[in-house]
Amino acid sequence: MSKRVPRFRTDEEAEAFLEQDLTDYIDRHTLRPVRFELKPKNSAISLRLSEELLKAVKDAAAREGVSYQKFIRNAVEEAVLRGRRPTR
């Protein structure tokens, strides 16, 4: 079992904590990938979905801990990337 990360009262305390080896604070079984979105989102679309599909999307997004808009955007990005990969 990993150690529990303490609560910090200041940013300086948090920065000092990060200077050490954090191996004992990480449980590799609970790690999950994180995607960062660095490009600005400057275009919008309107999309019609059935109520059932929208509810399913929102439920799936909640399970992944992201907004449903981000979930849809990730699904579109993955589909586009799959289309670019060579088939075997």
PDB file of N, CA and C in Angstrom:
ATOM      1  N   MET A   1       0.851  -1.189   0.000  1.00  0.00           N
ATOM      2  CA  MET A   1       0.000   0.000   0.000  1.00  0.00           C
ATOM      3  C   MET A   1       0.888   1.240   0.000  1.00  0.00           C
ATOM      4  N   SER A   2       0.479   2.252  -0.727  1.00  0.00           N
ATOM      5  CA  SER A   2       1.278   3.462  -0.828  1.00  0.00           C
ATOM      6  C   SER A   2       0.988   4.407   0.335  1.00  0.00           C
ATOM      7  N   LYS A   3       1.965   5.295   0.571  1.00  0.00           N
ATOM      8  CA  LYS A   3       1.792   6.299   1.618  1.00  0.00           C
ATOM      9  C   LYS A   3       0.766   7.326   1.176  1.00  0.00           C
ATOM     10  N   ARG A   4       0.140   7.949   2.140  1.00  0.00           N
ATOM     11  CA  ARG A   4      -0.854   8.988   1.848  1.00  0.00           C
ATOM     12  C   ARG A   4      -0.148  10.344   1.696  1.00  0.00           C
ATOM     13  N   VAL A   5      -0.533  11.076   0.681  1.00  0.00           N
ATOM     14  CA  VAL A   5       0.050  12.406   0.444  1.00  0.00           C
ATOM     15  C   VAL A   5      -0.518  13.364   1.477  1.00  0.00           C
ATOM     16  N   PRO A   6       0.350  14.099   2.180  1.00  0.00           N
ATOM     17  CA  PRO A   6      -0.149  15.037   3.199  1.00  0.00           C
ATOM     18  C   PRO A   6      -0.839  16.237   2.575  1.00  0.00           C
ATOM     19  N   ARG A   7      -1.619  16.947   3.384  1.00  0.00           N
ATOM     20  CA  ARG A   7      -2.234  18.206   2.941  1.00  0.00           C
ATOM     21  C   ARG A   7      -1.221  19.326   3.162  1.00  0.00           C
ATOM     22  N   PHE A   8      -1.214  20.256   2.239  1.00  0.00           N
ATOM     23  CA  PHE A   8      -0.248  21.342   2.308  1.00  0.00           C
ATOM     24  C   PHE A   8      -0.959  22.649   2.594  1.00  0.00           C
ATOM     25  N   ARG A   9      -0.342  23.475   3.421  1.00  0.00           N
ATOM     26  CA  ARG A   9      -0.930  24.771   3.756  1.00  0.00           C
ATOM     27  C   ARG A   9      -0.494  25.863   2.799  1.00  0.00           C
ATOM     28  N   THR A  10       0.645  25.645   2.143  1.00  0.00           N
ATOM     29  CA  THR A  10       1.158  26.660   1.221  1.00  0.00           C
ATOM     30  C   THR A  10       1.690  25.997  -0.046  1.00  0.00           C
ATOM     31  N   ASP A  11       1.841  26.798  -1.075  1.00  0.00           N
ATOM     32  CA  ASP A  11       2.452  26.296  -2.312  1.00  0.00           C
ATOM     33  C   ASP A  11       3.901  25.895  -2.072  1.00  0.00           C
ATOM     34  N   GLU A  12       4.571  26.608  -1.200  1.00  0.00           N
ATOM     35  CA  GLU A  12       5.969  26.307  -0.899  1.00  0.00           C
ATOM     36  C   GLU A  12       6.100  24.916  -0.279  1.00  0.00           C
ATOM     37  N   GLU A  13       5.175  24.548   0.621  1.00  0.00           N
ATOM     38  CA  GLU A  13       5.186  23.210   1.210  1.00  0.00           C
ATOM     39  C   GLU A  13       5.000  22.145   0.131  1.00  0.00           C
ATOM     40  N   ALA A  14       4.081  22.396  -0.794  1.00  0.00           N
ATOM     41  CA  ALA A  14       3.833  21.438  -1.876  1.00  0.00           C
ATOM     42  C   ALA A  14       5.063  21.314  -2.766  1.00  0.00           C
ATOM     43  N   GLU A  15       5.699  22.429  -3.098  1.00  0.00           N
ATOM     44  CA  GLU A  15       6.891  22.386  -3.931  1.00  0.00           C
ATOM     45  C   GLU A  15       8.020  21.640  -3.236  1.00  0.00           C
ATOM     46  N   ALA A  16       8.194  21.855  -1.945  1.00  0.00           N
ATOM     47  CA  ALA A  16       9.239  21.148  -1.195  1.00  0.00           C
ATOM     48  C   ALA A  16       8.959  19.648  -1.172  1.00  0.00           C
ATOM     49  N   PHE A  17       7.707  19.273  -1.028  1.00  0.00           N
ATOM     50  CA  PHE A  17       7.330  17.857  -1.023  1.00  0.00           C
ATOM     51  C   PHE A  17       7.704  17.181  -2.339  1.00  0.00           C
ATOM     52  N   LEU A  18       7.529  17.891  -3.443  1.00  0.00           N
ATOM     53  CA  LEU A  18       7.800  17.320  -4.759  1.00  0.00           C
ATOM     54  C   LEU A  18       9.279  17.151  -5.067  1.00  0.00           C
ATOM     55  N   GLU A  19      10.143  17.679  -4.229  1.00  0.00           N
ATOM     56  CA  GLU A  19      11.584  17.558  -4.442  1.00  0.00           C
ATOM     57  C   GLU A  19      12.114  16.179  -4.040  1.00  0.00           C
ATOM     58  N   GLN A  20      11.332  15.392  -3.329  1.00  0.00           N
ATOM     59  CA  GLN A  20      11.782  14.086  -2.844  1.00  0.00           C
ATOM     60  C   GLN A  20      11.400  12.964  -3.802  1.00  0.00           C
ATOM     61  N   ASP A  21      11.891  11.772  -3.511  1.00  0.00           N
ATOM     62  CA  ASP A  21      11.507  10.576  -4.261  1.00  0.00           C
ATOM     63  C   ASP A  21      10.073  10.233  -3.860  1.00  0.00           C
ATOM     64  N   LEU A  22       9.159  10.204  -4.826  1.00  0.00           N
ATOM     65  CA  LEU A  22       7.742   9.987  -4.541  1.00  0.00           C
ATOM     66  C   LEU A  22       7.304   8.544  -4.776  1.00  0.00           C
ATOM     67  N   THR A  23       8.246   7.636  -4.958  1.00  0.00           N
ATOM     68  CA  THR A  23       7.932   6.243  -5.256  1.00  0.00           C
ATOM     69  C   THR A  23       6.983   5.629  -4.237  1.00  0.00           C
ATOM     70  N   ASP A  24       7.182   5.927  -2.960  1.00  0.00           N
ATOM     71  CA  ASP A  24       6.337   5.344  -1.908  1.00  0.00           C
ATOM     72  C   ASP A  24       4.916   5.904  -1.907  1.00  0.00           C
ATOM     73  N   TYR A  25       4.685   6.970  -2.643  1.00  0.00           N
ATOM     74  CA  TYR A  25       3.367   7.600  -2.686  1.00  0.00           C
ATOM     75  C   TYR A  25       2.559   7.187  -3.914  1.00  0.00           C
ATOM     76  N   ILE A  26       3.140   6.372  -4.778  1.00  0.00           N
ATOM     77  CA  ILE A  26       2.479   6.008  -6.027  1.00  0.00           C
ATOM     78  C   ILE A  26       2.121   4.537  -6.019  1.00  0.00           C
ATOM     79  N   ASP A  27       0.877   4.238  -6.293  1.00  0.00           N
ATOM     80  CA  ASP A  27       0.422   2.862  -6.452  1.00  0.00           C
ATOM     81  C   ASP A  27       0.211   2.618  -7.941  1.00  0.00           C
ATOM     82  N   ARG A  28       1.083   1.842  -8.549  1.00  0.00           N
ATOM     83  CA  ARG A  28       1.032   1.671 -10.005  1.00  0.00           C
ATOM     84  C   ARG A  28      -0.281   1.059 -10.484  1.00  0.00           C
ATOM     85  N   HIS A  29      -1.015   0.410  -9.599  1.00  0.00           N
ATOM     86  CA  HIS A  29      -2.280  -0.215  -9.985  1.00  0.00           C
ATOM     87  C   HIS A  29      -3.405   0.808 -10.136  1.00  0.00           C
ATOM     88  N   THR A  30      -3.229   1.982  -9.580  1.00  0.00           N
ATOM     89  CA  THR A  30      -4.267   3.005  -9.683  1.00  0.00           C
ATOM     90  C   THR A  30      -3.930   4.098 -10.688  1.00  0.00           C
ATOM     91  N   LEU A  31      -2.780   3.988 -11.340  1.00  0.00           N
ATOM     92  CA  LEU A  31      -2.400   4.985 -12.331  1.00  0.00           C
ATOM     93  C   LEU A  31      -3.256   4.837 -13.584  1.00  0.00           C
ATOM     94  N   ARG A  32      -3.537   5.957 -14.221  1.00  0.00           N
ATOM     95  CA  ARG A  32      -4.251   5.929 -15.491  1.00  0.00           C
ATOM     96  C   ARG A  32      -3.721   7.041 -16.373  1.00  0.00           C
ATOM     97  N   PRO A  33      -3.776   6.847 -17.678  1.00  0.00           N
ATOM     98  CA  PRO A  33      -3.231   7.864 -18.585  1.00  0.00           C
ATOM     99  C   PRO A  33      -4.010   9.172 -18.497  1.00  0.00           C
ATOM    100  N   VAL A  34      -3.308  10.249 -18.712  1.00  0.00           N
ATOM    101  CA  VAL A  34      -3.913  11.577 -18.709  1.00  0.00           C
ATOM    102  C   VAL A  34      -3.595  12.227 -20.042  1.00  0.00           C
ATOM    103  N   ARG A  35      -4.609  12.827 -20.650  1.00  0.00           N
ATOM    104  CA  ARG A  35      -4.416  13.538 -21.911  1.00  0.00           C
ATOM    105  C   ARG A  35      -4.537  15.030 -21.651  1.00  0.00           C
ATOM    106  N   PHE A  36      -3.576  15.781 -22.158  1.00  0.00           N
ATOM    107  CA  PHE A  36      -3.605  17.222 -22.023  1.00  0.00           C
ATOM    108  C   PHE A  36      -4.063  17.834 -23.338  1.00  0.00           C
ATOM    109  N   GLU A  37      -4.920  18.811 -23.243  1.00  0.00           N
ATOM    110  CA  GLU A  37      -5.396  19.515 -24.425  1.00  0.00           C
ATOM    111  C   GLU A  37      -4.737  20.889 -24.451  1.00  0.00           C
ATOM    112  N   LEU A  38      -3.795  21.046 -25.363  1.00  0.00           N
ATOM    113  CA  LEU A  38      -3.042  22.287 -25.417  1.00  0.00           C
ATOM    114  C   LEU A  38      -3.519  23.227 -26.517  1.00  0.00           C
ATOM    115  N   LYS A  39      -4.149  22.679 -27.537  1.00  0.00           N
ATOM    116  CA  LYS A  39      -4.626  23.528 -28.624  1.00  0.00           C
ATOM    117  C   LYS A  39      -5.953  24.174 -28.241  1.00  0.00           C
ATOM    118  N   PRO A  40      -6.116  25.451 -28.588  1.00  0.00           N
ATOM    119  CA  PRO A  40      -7.389  26.107 -28.272  1.00  0.00           C
ATOM    120  C   PRO A  40      -8.525  25.510 -29.098  1.00  0.00           C
ATOM    121  N   LYS A  41      -9.684  25.470 -28.521  1.00  0.00           N
ATOM    122  CA  LYS A  41     -10.885  24.999 -29.220  1.00  0.00           C
ATOM    123  C   LYS A  41     -11.596  26.236 -29.756  1.00  0.00           C
ATOM    124  N   ASN A  42     -11.434  26.492 -31.054  1.00  0.00           N
ATOM    125  CA  ASN A  42     -11.953  27.734 -31.613  1.00  0.00           C
ATOM    126  C   ASN A  42     -13.047  27.522 -32.655  1.00  0.00           C
ATOM    127  N   SER A  43     -13.527  26.304 -32.784  1.00  0.00           N
ATOM    128  CA  SER A  43     -14.645  26.027 -33.689  1.00  0.00           C
ATOM    129  C   SER A  43     -15.690  25.225 -32.931  1.00  0.00           C
ATOM    130  N   ALA A  44     -16.943  25.454 -33.269  1.00  0.00           N
ATOM    131  CA  ALA A  44     -18.033  24.740 -32.595  1.00  0.00           C
ATOM    132  C   ALA A  44     -18.914  24.074 -33.638  1.00  0.00           C
ATOM    133  N   ILE A  45     -19.548  22.981 -33.230  1.00  0.00           N
ATOM    134  CA  ILE A  45     -20.500  22.302 -34.105  1.00  0.00           C
ATOM    135  C   ILE A  45     -21.773  22.047 -33.312  1.00  0.00           C
ATOM    136  N   SER A  46     -22.841  21.794 -34.033  1.00  0.00           N
ATOM    137  CA  SER A  46     -24.095  21.387 -33.407  1.00  0.00           C
ATOM    138  C   SER A  46     -24.329  19.948 -33.841  1.00  0.00           C
ATOM    139  N   LEU A  47     -24.711  19.108 -32.898  1.00  0.00           N
ATOM    140  CA  LEU A  47     -24.851  17.693 -33.187  1.00  0.00           C
ATOM    141  C   LEU A  47     -26.137  17.182 -32.573  1.00  0.00           C
ATOM    142  N   ARG A  48     -26.937  16.518 -33.365  1.00  0.00           N
ATOM    143  CA  ARG A  48     -28.194  15.959 -32.861  1.00  0.00           C
ATOM    144  C   ARG A  48     -27.999  14.484 -32.559  1.00  0.00           C
ATOM    145  N   LEU A  49     -28.383  14.101 -31.336  1.00  0.00           N
ATOM    146  CA  LEU A  49     -28.311  12.706 -30.898  1.00  0.00           C
ATOM    147  C   LEU A  49     -29.641  12.322 -30.279  1.00  0.00           C
ATOM    148  N   SER A  50     -29.940  11.049 -30.289  1.00  0.00           N
ATOM    149  CA  SER A  50     -31.137  10.595 -29.578  1.00  0.00           C
ATOM    150  C   SER A  50     -30.890  10.787 -28.078  1.00  0.00           C
ATOM    151  N   GLU A  51     -31.960  10.901 -27.314  1.00  0.00           N
ATOM    152  CA  GLU A  51     -31.831  11.049 -25.869  1.00  0.00           C
ATOM    153  C   GLU A  51     -31.090   9.865 -25.267  1.00  0.00           C
ATOM    154  N   GLU A  52     -31.367   8.668 -25.780  1.00  0.00           N
ATOM    155  CA  GLU A  52     -30.737   7.460 -25.255  1.00  0.00           C
ATOM    156  C   GLU A  52     -29.228   7.472 -25.491  1.00  0.00           C
ATOM    157  N   LEU A  53     -28.824   7.877 -26.711  1.00  0.00           N
ATOM    158  CA  LEU A  53     -27.396   7.924 -27.012  1.00  0.00           C
ATOM    159  C   LEU A  53     -26.706   8.995 -26.186  1.00  0.00           C
ATOM    160  N   LEU A  54     -27.322  10.164 -26.045  1.00  0.00           N
ATOM    161  CA  LEU A  54     -26.726  11.233 -25.245  1.00  0.00           C
ATOM    162  C   LEU A  54     -26.575  10.800 -23.794  1.00  0.00           C
ATOM    163  N   LYS A  55     -27.577  10.116 -23.250  1.00  0.00           N
ATOM    164  CA  LYS A  55     -27.466   9.624 -21.873  1.00  0.00           C
ATOM    165  C   LYS A  55     -26.332   8.619 -21.755  1.00  0.00           C
ATOM    166  N   ALA A  56     -26.202   7.715 -22.730  1.00  0.00           N
ATOM    167  CA  ALA A  56     -25.118   6.730 -22.717  1.00  0.00           C
ATOM    168  C   ALA A  56     -23.753   7.414 -22.789  1.00  0.00           C
ATOM    169  N   VAL A  57     -23.652   8.446 -23.622  1.00  0.00           N
ATOM    170  CA  VAL A  57     -22.402   9.204 -23.737  1.00  0.00           C
ATOM    171  C   VAL A  57     -22.080   9.884 -22.414  1.00  0.00           C
ATOM    172  N   LYS A  58     -23.070  10.524 -21.806  1.00  0.00           N
ATOM    173  CA  LYS A  58     -22.834  11.203 -20.530  1.00  0.00           C
ATOM    174  C   LYS A  58     -22.447  10.216 -19.434  1.00  0.00           C
ATOM    175  N   ASP A  59     -23.076   9.047 -19.416  1.00  0.00           N
ATOM    176  CA  ASP A  59     -22.730   8.018 -18.427  1.00  0.00           C
ATOM    177  C   ASP A  59     -21.295   7.532 -18.626  1.00  0.00           C
ATOM    178  N   ALA A  60     -20.923   7.274 -19.888  1.00  0.00           N
ATOM    179  CA  ALA A  60     -19.567   6.812 -20.180  1.00  0.00           C
ATOM    180  C   ALA A  60     -18.539   7.891 -19.822  1.00  0.00           C
ATOM    181  N   ALA A  61     -18.870   9.144 -20.127  1.00  0.00           N
ATOM    182  CA  ALA A  61     -17.968  10.251 -19.790  1.00  0.00           C
ATOM    183  C   ALA A  61     -17.793  10.357 -18.276  1.00  0.00           C
ATOM    184  N   ALA A  62     -18.874  10.198 -17.537  1.00  0.00           N
ATOM    185  CA  ALA A  62     -18.798  10.270 -16.072  1.00  0.00           C
ATOM    186  C   ALA A  62     -17.901   9.150 -15.529  1.00  0.00           C
ATOM    187  N   ARG A  63     -18.018   7.958 -16.120  1.00  0.00           N
ATOM    188  CA  ARG A  63     -17.160   6.844 -15.677  1.00  0.00           C
ATOM    189  C   ARG A  63     -15.691   7.144 -15.917  1.00  0.00           C
ATOM    190  N   GLU A  64     -15.399   7.888 -16.991  1.00  0.00           N
ATOM    191  CA  GLU A  64     -14.015   8.249 -17.299  1.00  0.00           C
ATOM    192  C   GLU A  64     -13.575   9.532 -16.604  1.00  0.00           C
ATOM    193  N   GLY A  65     -14.525  10.226 -15.981  1.00  0.00           N
ATOM    194  CA  GLY A  65     -14.184  11.438 -15.243  1.00  0.00           C
ATOM    195  C   GLY A  65     -13.930  12.649 -16.120  1.00  0.00           C
ATOM    196  N   VAL A  66     -14.605  12.702 -17.273  1.00  0.00           N
ATOM    197  CA  VAL A  66     -14.454  13.853 -18.175  1.00  0.00           C
ATOM    198  C   VAL A  66     -15.835  14.386 -18.537  1.00  0.00           C
ATOM    199  N   SER A  67     -15.867  15.584 -19.083  1.00  0.00           N
ATOM    200  CA  SER A  67     -17.139  16.142 -19.539  1.00  0.00           C
ATOM    201  C   SER A  67     -17.601  15.367 -20.766  1.00  0.00           C
ATOM    202  N   TYR A  68     -18.899  15.406 -21.040  1.00  0.00           N
ATOM    203  CA  TYR A  68     -19.375  14.651 -22.200  1.00  0.00           C
ATOM    204  C   TYR A  68     -18.878  15.274 -23.502  1.00  0.00           C
ATOM    205  N   GLN A  69     -18.660  16.595 -23.523  1.00  0.00           N
ATOM    206  CA  GLN A  69     -18.124  17.221 -24.726  1.00  0.00           C
ATOM    207  C   GLN A  69     -16.708  16.726 -25.002  1.00  0.00           C
ATOM    208  N   LYS A  70     -15.898  16.652 -23.944  1.00  0.00           N
ATOM    209  CA  LYS A  70     -14.535  16.153 -24.102  1.00  0.00           C
ATOM    210  C   LYS A  70     -14.557  14.677 -24.508  1.00  0.00           C
ATOM    211  N   PHE A  71     -15.467  13.902 -23.954  1.00  0.00           N
ATOM    212  CA  PHE A  71     -15.596  12.495 -24.311  1.00  0.00           C
ATOM    213  C   PHE A  71     -15.886  12.354 -25.809  1.00  0.00           C
ATOM    214  N   ILE A  72     -16.824  13.152 -26.318  1.00  0.00           N
ATOM    215  CA  ILE A  72     -17.162  13.103 -27.743  1.00  0.00           C
ATOM    216  C   ILE A  72     -15.961  13.535 -28.585  1.00  0.00           C
ATOM    217  N   ARG A  73     -15.286  14.605 -28.174  1.00  0.00           N
ATOM    218  CA  ARG A  73     -14.117  15.086 -28.907  1.00  0.00           C
ATOM    219  C   ARG A  73     -13.029  14.009 -28.955  1.00  0.00           C
ATOM    220  N   ASN A  74     -12.791  13.331 -27.825  1.00  0.00           N
ATOM    221  CA  ASN A  74     -11.795  12.259 -27.795  1.00  0.00           C
ATOM    222  C   ASN A  74     -12.186  11.119 -28.730  1.00  0.00           C
ATOM    223  N   ALA A  75     -13.471  10.773 -28.754  1.00  0.00           N
ATOM    224  CA  ALA A  75     -13.946   9.699 -29.638  1.00  0.00           C
ATOM    225  C   ALA A  75     -13.732  10.072 -31.098  1.00  0.00           C
ATOM    226  N   VAL A  76     -14.008  11.319 -31.453  1.00  0.00           N
ATOM    227  CA  VAL A  76     -13.806  11.775 -32.835  1.00  0.00           C
ATOM    228  C   VAL A  76     -12.318  11.744 -33.172  1.00  0.00           C
ATOM    229  N   GLU A  77     -11.467  12.244 -32.268  1.00  0.00           N
ATOM    230  CA  GLU A  77     -10.021  12.249 -32.513  1.00  0.00           C
ATOM    231  C   GLU A  77      -9.499  10.826 -32.711  1.00  0.00           C
ATOM    232  N   GLU A  78      -9.943   9.891 -31.872  1.00  0.00           N
ATOM    233  CA  GLU A  78      -9.503   8.499 -31.994  1.00  0.00           C
ATOM    234  C   GLU A  78      -9.958   7.894 -33.316  1.00  0.00           C
ATOM    235  N   ALA A  79     -11.175   8.188 -33.737  1.00  0.00           N
ATOM    236  CA  ALA A  79     -11.683   7.662 -35.008  1.00  0.00           C
ATOM    237  C   ALA A  79     -10.865   8.208 -36.173  1.00  0.00           C
ATOM    238  N   VAL A  80     -10.514   9.482 -36.128  1.00  0.00           N
ATOM    239  CA  VAL A  80      -9.714  10.086 -37.193  1.00  0.00           C
ATOM    240  C   VAL A  80      -8.320   9.462 -37.220  1.00  0.00           C
ATOM    241  N   LEU A  81      -7.721   9.283 -36.050  1.00  0.00           N
ATOM    242  CA  LEU A  81      -6.388   8.671 -35.988  1.00  0.00           C
ATOM    243  C   LEU A  81      -6.415   7.235 -36.496  1.00  0.00           C
ATOM    244  N   ARG A  82      -7.455   6.491 -36.155  1.00  0.00           N
ATOM    245  CA  ARG A  82      -7.586   5.114 -36.655  1.00  0.00           C
ATOM    246  C   ARG A  82      -7.643   5.096 -38.167  1.00  0.00           C
ATOM    247  N   GLY A  83      -8.307   6.076 -38.739  1.00  0.00           N
ATOM    248  CA  GLY A  83      -8.413   6.168 -40.184  1.00  0.00           C
ATOM    249  C   GLY A  83      -7.085   6.478 -40.861  1.00  0.00           C
ATOM    250  N   ARG A  84      -6.151   7.058 -40.137  1.00  0.00           N
ATOM    251  CA  ARG A  84      -4.829   7.408 -40.694  1.00  0.00           C
ATOM    252  C   ARG A  84      -3.830   6.271 -40.574  1.00  0.00           C
ATOM    253  N   ARG A  85      -4.078   5.314 -39.696  1.00  0.00           N
ATOM    254  CA  ARG A  85      -3.131   4.219 -39.488  1.00  0.00           C
ATOM    255  C   ARG A  85      -3.202   3.229 -40.641  1.00  0.00           C
ATOM    256  N   PRO A  86      -2.039   2.732 -41.069  1.00  0.00           N
ATOM    257  CA  PRO A  86      -2.071   1.727 -42.128  1.00  0.00           C
ATOM    258  C   PRO A  86      -2.690   0.429 -41.622  1.00  0.00           C
ATOM    259  N   THR A  87      -3.451  -0.236 -42.466  1.00  0.00           N
ATOM    260  CA  THR A  87      -4.062  -1.505 -42.093  1.00  0.00           C
ATOM    261  C   THR A  87      -3.090  -2.633 -42.350  1.00  0.00           C
ATOM    262  N   ARG A  88      -3.258  -3.695 -41.587  1.00  0.00           N
ATOM    263  CA  ARG A  88      -2.352  -4.850 -41.732  1.00  0.00           C
ATOM    264  C   ARG A  88      -3.083  -6.021 -42.259  1.00  0.00           C
TER     265      ARG A  88
END
